[in-house]
């Protein structure tokens, strides 16, 4: 799962702890990987300020545009064959993000076996 976000994006910062909780649930599951990609990092940003354990990466805004991501936050789940299986854009706290991601990961793990 790729989570595209930016340090200046308030909804992104609200969503990040929920993604971190999902990461904690799946981090030891073979075949499942999480990466939070900060595509527009502020120069004075301290990654330790996020208080998350999921892998964080800095990327250029072009990296998200290459995947068709034009707004933040955006979550993308990619299967092992490289196919995009889910794109979720935006965050307002109302959706059941955990259930949506759980369903996708469960489906993908079942299809591998």
N, C-alpha and C. Protein backbone atom coordinates (compact mmCIF):
# COMPACT_ATOMS: atom_id res chain seq x y z
N UNK A 1 0.85 -1.17 0.00
CA UNK A 1 0.00 0.00 0.00
C UNK A 1 0.89 1.22 0.00
N UNK A 2 0.59 2.12 -0.89
CA UNK A 2 1.27 3.41 -0.94
C UNK A 2 0.32 4.47 -0.41
N UNK A 3 0.80 5.28 0.49
CA UNK A 3 0.02 6.39 1.02
C UNK A 3 0.73 7.68 0.62
N UNK A 4 0.13 8.40 -0.31
CA UNK A 4 0.71 9.67 -0.75
C UNK A 4 0.18 10.78 0.13
N UNK A 5 1.08 11.59 0.65
CA UNK A 5 0.71 12.65 1.57
C UNK A 5 1.72 13.78 1.45
N UNK A 6 1.50 14.84 2.19
CA UNK A 6 2.43 15.96 2.24
C UNK A 6 2.41 16.52 3.67
N UNK A 7 3.53 17.03 4.09
CA UNK A 7 3.64 17.53 5.46
C UNK A 7 2.71 18.69 5.74
N UNK A 8 2.39 19.48 4.74
CA UNK A 8 1.54 20.66 4.92
C UNK A 8 0.05 20.32 4.87
N UNK A 9 -0.30 19.09 4.53
CA UNK A 9 -1.68 18.66 4.30
C UNK A 9 -2.33 18.18 5.60
N UNK A 10 -3.24 18.98 6.15
CA UNK A 10 -3.89 18.63 7.42
C UNK A 10 -4.65 17.30 7.35
N UNK A 11 -5.47 17.03 6.32
CA UNK A 11 -6.14 15.73 6.24
C UNK A 11 -5.14 14.57 6.17
N UNK A 12 -4.01 14.79 5.50
CA UNK A 12 -2.98 13.75 5.42
C UNK A 12 -2.45 13.43 6.81
N UNK A 13 -2.17 14.45 7.59
CA UNK A 13 -1.64 14.24 8.94
C UNK A 13 -2.67 13.58 9.85
N UNK A 14 -3.96 13.81 9.60
CA UNK A 14 -5.01 13.14 10.38
C UNK A 14 -5.14 11.67 9.98
N UNK A 15 -4.95 11.38 8.71
CA UNK A 15 -5.07 10.01 8.22
C UNK A 15 -3.87 9.14 8.60
N UNK A 16 -2.71 9.73 8.69
CA UNK A 16 -1.47 8.98 8.89
C UNK A 16 -1.50 8.05 10.11
N UNK A 17 -2.02 8.45 11.28
CA UNK A 17 -2.08 7.50 12.40
C UNK A 17 -2.95 6.28 12.11
N UNK A 18 -3.98 6.44 11.32
CA UNK A 18 -4.83 5.30 10.97
C UNK A 18 -4.08 4.35 10.03
N UNK A 19 -3.31 4.90 9.13
CA UNK A 19 -2.49 4.08 8.24
C UNK A 19 -1.42 3.37 9.05
N UNK A 20 -0.86 4.08 10.02
CA UNK A 20 0.14 3.48 10.89
C UNK A 20 -0.44 2.30 11.66
N UNK A 21 -1.68 2.41 12.13
CA UNK A 21 -2.33 1.30 12.83
C UNK A 21 -2.51 0.09 11.91
N UNK A 22 -2.85 0.35 10.65
CA UNK A 22 -2.96 -0.74 9.68
C UNK A 22 -1.59 -1.37 9.44
N UNK A 23 -0.58 -0.54 9.33
CA UNK A 23 0.78 -1.04 9.15
C UNK A 23 1.16 -1.95 10.32
N UNK A 24 0.86 -1.52 11.54
CA UNK A 24 1.19 -2.32 12.72
C UNK A 24 0.50 -3.69 12.66
N UNK A 25 -0.72 -3.71 12.14
CA UNK A 25 -1.47 -4.95 12.03
C UNK A 25 -0.86 -5.90 11.00
N UNK A 26 -0.33 -5.36 9.91
CA UNK A 26 0.13 -6.20 8.79
C UNK A 26 1.64 -6.26 8.60
N UNK A 27 2.41 -5.58 9.43
CA UNK A 27 3.85 -5.46 9.13
C UNK A 27 4.59 -6.78 9.12
N UNK A 28 4.09 -7.79 9.79
CA UNK A 28 4.76 -9.09 9.78
C UNK A 28 4.08 -10.09 8.85
N UNK A 29 3.12 -9.61 8.07
CA UNK A 29 2.41 -10.48 7.14
C UNK A 29 3.20 -10.57 5.83
N UNK A 30 3.64 -11.77 5.46
CA UNK A 30 4.38 -11.91 4.20
C UNK A 30 3.54 -11.42 3.01
N UNK A 31 4.19 -10.70 2.12
CA UNK A 31 3.52 -10.23 0.92
C UNK A 31 2.80 -8.90 1.07
N UNK A 32 2.86 -8.31 2.26
CA UNK A 32 2.19 -7.03 2.50
C UNK A 32 3.24 -6.00 2.88
N UNK A 33 3.22 -4.87 2.18
CA UNK A 33 4.17 -3.79 2.46
C UNK A 33 3.45 -2.45 2.44
N UNK A 34 3.88 -1.56 3.29
CA UNK A 34 3.33 -0.22 3.38
C UNK A 34 4.45 0.79 3.16
N UNK A 35 4.12 1.89 2.52
CA UNK A 35 5.07 2.99 2.36
C UNK A 35 4.29 4.29 2.29
N UNK A 36 4.63 5.23 3.16
CA UNK A 36 4.03 6.56 3.14
C UNK A 36 4.99 7.46 2.38
N UNK A 37 4.52 8.00 1.26
CA UNK A 37 5.37 8.79 0.38
C UNK A 37 5.00 10.27 0.52
N UNK A 38 5.90 11.03 1.10
CA UNK A 38 5.72 12.47 1.27
C UNK A 38 6.24 13.14 0.00
N UNK A 39 5.32 13.60 -0.83
CA UNK A 39 5.71 14.12 -2.14
C UNK A 39 6.00 15.62 -2.15
N UNK A 40 5.66 16.29 -1.06
CA UNK A 40 5.89 17.74 -1.02
C UNK A 40 6.35 18.15 0.37
N UNK A 41 7.47 17.61 0.79
CA UNK A 41 7.98 17.83 2.14
C UNK A 41 8.43 19.27 2.34
N UNK A 42 8.03 19.81 3.47
CA UNK A 42 8.49 21.14 3.86
C UNK A 42 9.95 21.03 4.29
N UNK A 43 10.74 22.03 3.99
CA UNK A 43 12.18 21.99 4.24
C UNK A 43 12.52 21.74 5.71
N UNK A 44 11.73 22.28 6.62
CA UNK A 44 12.05 22.15 8.04
C UNK A 44 11.31 21.01 8.72
N UNK A 45 10.73 20.10 7.95
CA UNK A 45 9.96 18.99 8.51
C UNK A 45 10.87 17.98 9.20
N UNK A 46 10.49 17.55 10.39
CA UNK A 46 11.21 16.53 11.15
C UNK A 46 10.38 15.25 11.11
N UNK A 47 10.84 14.20 10.40
CA UNK A 47 10.05 12.97 10.28
C UNK A 47 9.68 12.35 11.62
N UNK A 48 10.49 12.55 12.64
CA UNK A 48 10.17 11.97 13.95
C UNK A 48 8.93 12.64 14.56
N UNK A 49 8.54 13.79 14.04
CA UNK A 49 7.36 14.49 14.55
C UNK A 49 6.07 13.75 14.20
N UNK A 50 6.11 12.84 13.24
CA UNK A 50 4.91 12.11 12.84
C UNK A 50 4.51 11.06 13.87
N UNK A 51 5.46 10.61 14.66
CA UNK A 51 5.20 9.58 15.68
C UNK A 51 4.55 8.32 15.09
N UNK A 52 5.01 7.95 13.91
CA UNK A 52 4.53 6.73 13.27
C UNK A 52 5.71 5.79 13.04
N UNK A 53 5.42 4.50 12.95
CA UNK A 53 6.47 3.52 12.73
C UNK A 53 6.51 3.01 11.29
N UNK A 54 5.50 3.35 10.49
CA UNK A 54 5.51 2.84 9.12
C UNK A 54 6.61 3.52 8.33
N UNK A 55 7.13 2.85 7.31
CA UNK A 55 8.21 3.42 6.51
C UNK A 55 7.76 4.70 5.82
N UNK A 56 8.57 5.73 5.96
CA UNK A 56 8.32 7.02 5.31
C UNK A 56 9.36 7.24 4.23
N UNK A 57 8.93 7.77 3.12
CA UNK A 57 9.85 8.08 2.03
C UNK A 57 9.54 9.47 1.51
N UNK A 58 10.57 10.14 1.04
CA UNK A 58 10.38 11.44 0.41
C UNK A 58 10.45 11.21 -1.10
N UNK A 59 9.53 11.81 -1.81
CA UNK A 59 9.52 11.68 -3.26
C UNK A 59 9.18 13.01 -3.89
N UNK A 60 9.36 13.09 -5.15
CA UNK A 60 8.99 14.29 -5.89
C UNK A 60 7.51 14.22 -6.24
N UNK A 61 6.90 15.37 -6.48
CA UNK A 61 5.48 15.37 -6.86
C UNK A 61 5.27 14.60 -8.15
N UNK A 62 6.30 14.50 -8.98
CA UNK A 62 6.18 13.72 -10.22
C UNK A 62 5.96 12.24 -9.93
N UNK A 63 6.49 11.75 -8.80
CA UNK A 63 6.32 10.33 -8.49
C UNK A 63 4.85 9.99 -8.31
N UNK A 64 4.09 10.87 -7.70
CA UNK A 64 2.67 10.58 -7.53
C UNK A 64 1.90 10.81 -8.82
N UNK A 65 2.30 11.80 -9.59
CA UNK A 65 1.61 12.07 -10.85
C UNK A 65 1.82 10.93 -11.85
N UNK A 66 2.95 10.25 -11.76
CA UNK A 66 3.20 9.10 -12.64
C UNK A 66 2.22 7.96 -12.36
N UNK A 67 1.65 7.93 -11.17
CA UNK A 67 0.64 6.92 -10.82
C UNK A 67 -0.77 7.47 -10.94
N UNK A 68 -0.91 8.68 -11.45
CA UNK A 68 -2.23 9.28 -11.62
C UNK A 68 -2.80 9.86 -10.35
N UNK A 69 -1.95 10.22 -9.40
CA UNK A 69 -2.39 10.80 -8.14
C UNK A 69 -2.27 12.32 -8.25
N UNK A 70 -3.42 12.99 -8.20
CA UNK A 70 -3.41 14.44 -8.37
C UNK A 70 -3.95 15.20 -7.17
N UNK A 71 -4.34 14.47 -6.11
CA UNK A 71 -4.76 15.15 -4.90
C UNK A 71 -4.28 14.34 -3.70
N UNK A 72 -4.21 14.99 -2.58
CA UNK A 72 -3.71 14.37 -1.36
C UNK A 72 -4.75 14.46 -0.27
N UNK A 73 -4.79 13.50 0.60
CA UNK A 73 -4.06 12.23 0.58
C UNK A 73 -4.70 11.25 -0.41
N UNK A 74 -3.88 10.33 -0.88
CA UNK A 74 -4.36 9.25 -1.74
C UNK A 74 -3.69 7.95 -1.33
N UNK A 75 -4.49 6.92 -1.19
CA UNK A 75 -3.99 5.57 -0.90
C UNK A 75 -4.11 4.73 -2.17
N UNK A 76 -3.09 3.95 -2.43
CA UNK A 76 -3.11 3.03 -3.57
C UNK A 76 -2.68 1.66 -3.07
N UNK A 77 -3.47 0.66 -3.38
CA UNK A 77 -3.09 -0.72 -3.09
C UNK A 77 -2.75 -1.38 -4.41
N UNK A 78 -1.56 -1.96 -4.46
CA UNK A 78 -1.04 -2.59 -5.66
C UNK A 78 -0.81 -4.06 -5.36
N UNK A 79 -1.27 -4.92 -6.26
CA UNK A 79 -1.05 -6.35 -6.03
C UNK A 79 0.37 -6.74 -6.43
N UNK A 80 0.73 -8.00 -6.20
CA UNK A 80 2.11 -8.44 -6.46
C UNK A 80 2.46 -8.46 -7.94
N UNK A 81 1.45 -8.43 -8.80
CA UNK A 81 1.71 -8.38 -10.24
C UNK A 81 1.87 -6.94 -10.74
N UNK A 82 1.71 -5.97 -9.81
CA UNK A 82 1.86 -4.57 -10.20
C UNK A 82 0.57 -3.90 -10.63
N UNK A 83 -0.56 -4.58 -10.46
CA UNK A 83 -1.85 -4.01 -10.84
C UNK A 83 -2.41 -3.17 -9.69
N UNK A 84 -2.92 -2.02 -10.03
CA UNK A 84 -3.55 -1.17 -9.02
C UNK A 84 -4.91 -1.76 -8.70
N UNK A 85 -5.14 -2.08 -7.43
CA UNK A 85 -6.38 -2.72 -7.00
C UNK A 85 -7.34 -1.77 -6.30
N UNK A 86 -6.80 -0.69 -5.72
CA UNK A 86 -7.64 0.27 -5.03
C UNK A 86 -6.97 1.63 -5.07
N UNK A 87 -7.77 2.65 -5.34
CA UNK A 87 -7.33 4.04 -5.22
C UNK A 87 -8.37 4.73 -4.35
N UNK A 88 -7.92 5.29 -3.25
CA UNK A 88 -8.81 6.04 -2.36
C UNK A 88 -8.24 7.44 -2.20
N UNK A 89 -9.03 8.42 -2.59
CA UNK A 89 -8.58 9.81 -2.55
C UNK A 89 -9.35 10.59 -1.50
N UNK A 90 -8.62 11.42 -0.77
CA UNK A 90 -9.23 12.29 0.23
C UNK A 90 -9.36 11.62 1.57
N UNK A 91 -9.64 12.44 2.57
CA UNK A 91 -9.84 11.93 3.92
C UNK A 91 -10.70 12.92 4.68
N UNK A 92 -11.79 12.41 5.26
CA UNK A 92 -12.62 13.27 6.10
C UNK A 92 -12.91 12.63 7.45
N UNK A 93 -12.36 11.44 7.68
CA UNK A 93 -12.53 10.76 8.96
C UNK A 93 -13.81 9.95 9.06
N UNK A 94 -14.73 10.12 8.12
CA UNK A 94 -16.03 9.45 8.20
C UNK A 94 -15.99 8.02 7.64
N UNK A 95 -15.15 7.77 6.65
CA UNK A 95 -15.13 6.45 6.05
C UNK A 95 -14.42 5.46 6.97
N UNK A 96 -14.76 4.19 6.78
CA UNK A 96 -14.12 3.15 7.55
C UNK A 96 -12.89 2.68 6.77
N UNK A 97 -11.85 3.46 6.88
CA UNK A 97 -10.62 3.22 6.16
C UNK A 97 -10.03 1.85 6.47
N UNK A 98 -10.03 1.51 7.74
CA UNK A 98 -9.47 0.23 8.16
C UNK A 98 -10.20 -0.94 7.51
N UNK A 99 -11.52 -0.91 7.50
CA UNK A 99 -12.29 -2.00 6.89
C UNK A 99 -12.01 -2.10 5.39
N UNK A 100 -11.97 -0.95 4.72
CA UNK A 100 -11.72 -0.93 3.28
C UNK A 100 -10.36 -1.55 2.95
N UNK A 101 -9.34 -1.17 3.68
CA UNK A 101 -8.00 -1.70 3.43
C UNK A 101 -7.94 -3.17 3.83
N UNK A 102 -8.51 -3.54 4.98
CA UNK A 102 -8.55 -4.94 5.40
C UNK A 102 -9.17 -5.84 4.33
N UNK A 103 -10.29 -5.40 3.77
CA UNK A 103 -10.97 -6.19 2.74
C UNK A 103 -10.08 -6.40 1.53
N UNK A 104 -9.41 -5.35 1.08
CA UNK A 104 -8.54 -5.47 -0.09
C UNK A 104 -7.36 -6.40 0.19
N UNK A 105 -6.71 -6.21 1.34
CA UNK A 105 -5.56 -7.04 1.66
C UNK A 105 -5.98 -8.49 1.83
N UNK A 106 -7.08 -8.74 2.50
CA UNK A 106 -7.58 -10.11 2.69
C UNK A 106 -7.85 -10.77 1.34
N UNK A 107 -8.51 -10.04 0.46
CA UNK A 107 -8.81 -10.57 -0.88
C UNK A 107 -7.52 -10.90 -1.63
N UNK A 108 -6.54 -10.01 -1.58
CA UNK A 108 -5.28 -10.25 -2.29
C UNK A 108 -4.51 -11.42 -1.69
N UNK A 109 -4.51 -11.53 -0.38
CA UNK A 109 -3.80 -12.65 0.24
C UNK A 109 -4.46 -13.98 -0.09
N UNK A 110 -5.78 -14.00 -0.15
CA UNK A 110 -6.49 -15.24 -0.51
C UNK A 110 -6.18 -15.64 -1.96
N UNK A 111 -6.11 -14.66 -2.84
CA UNK A 111 -5.89 -14.96 -4.26
C UNK A 111 -4.49 -15.46 -4.54
N UNK A 112 -3.56 -15.21 -3.63
CA UNK A 112 -2.18 -15.68 -3.82
C UNK A 112 -2.04 -17.17 -3.50
N UNK A 113 -2.89 -17.64 -2.59
CA UNK A 113 -2.75 -19.01 -2.11
C UNK A 113 -3.36 -19.99 -2.98
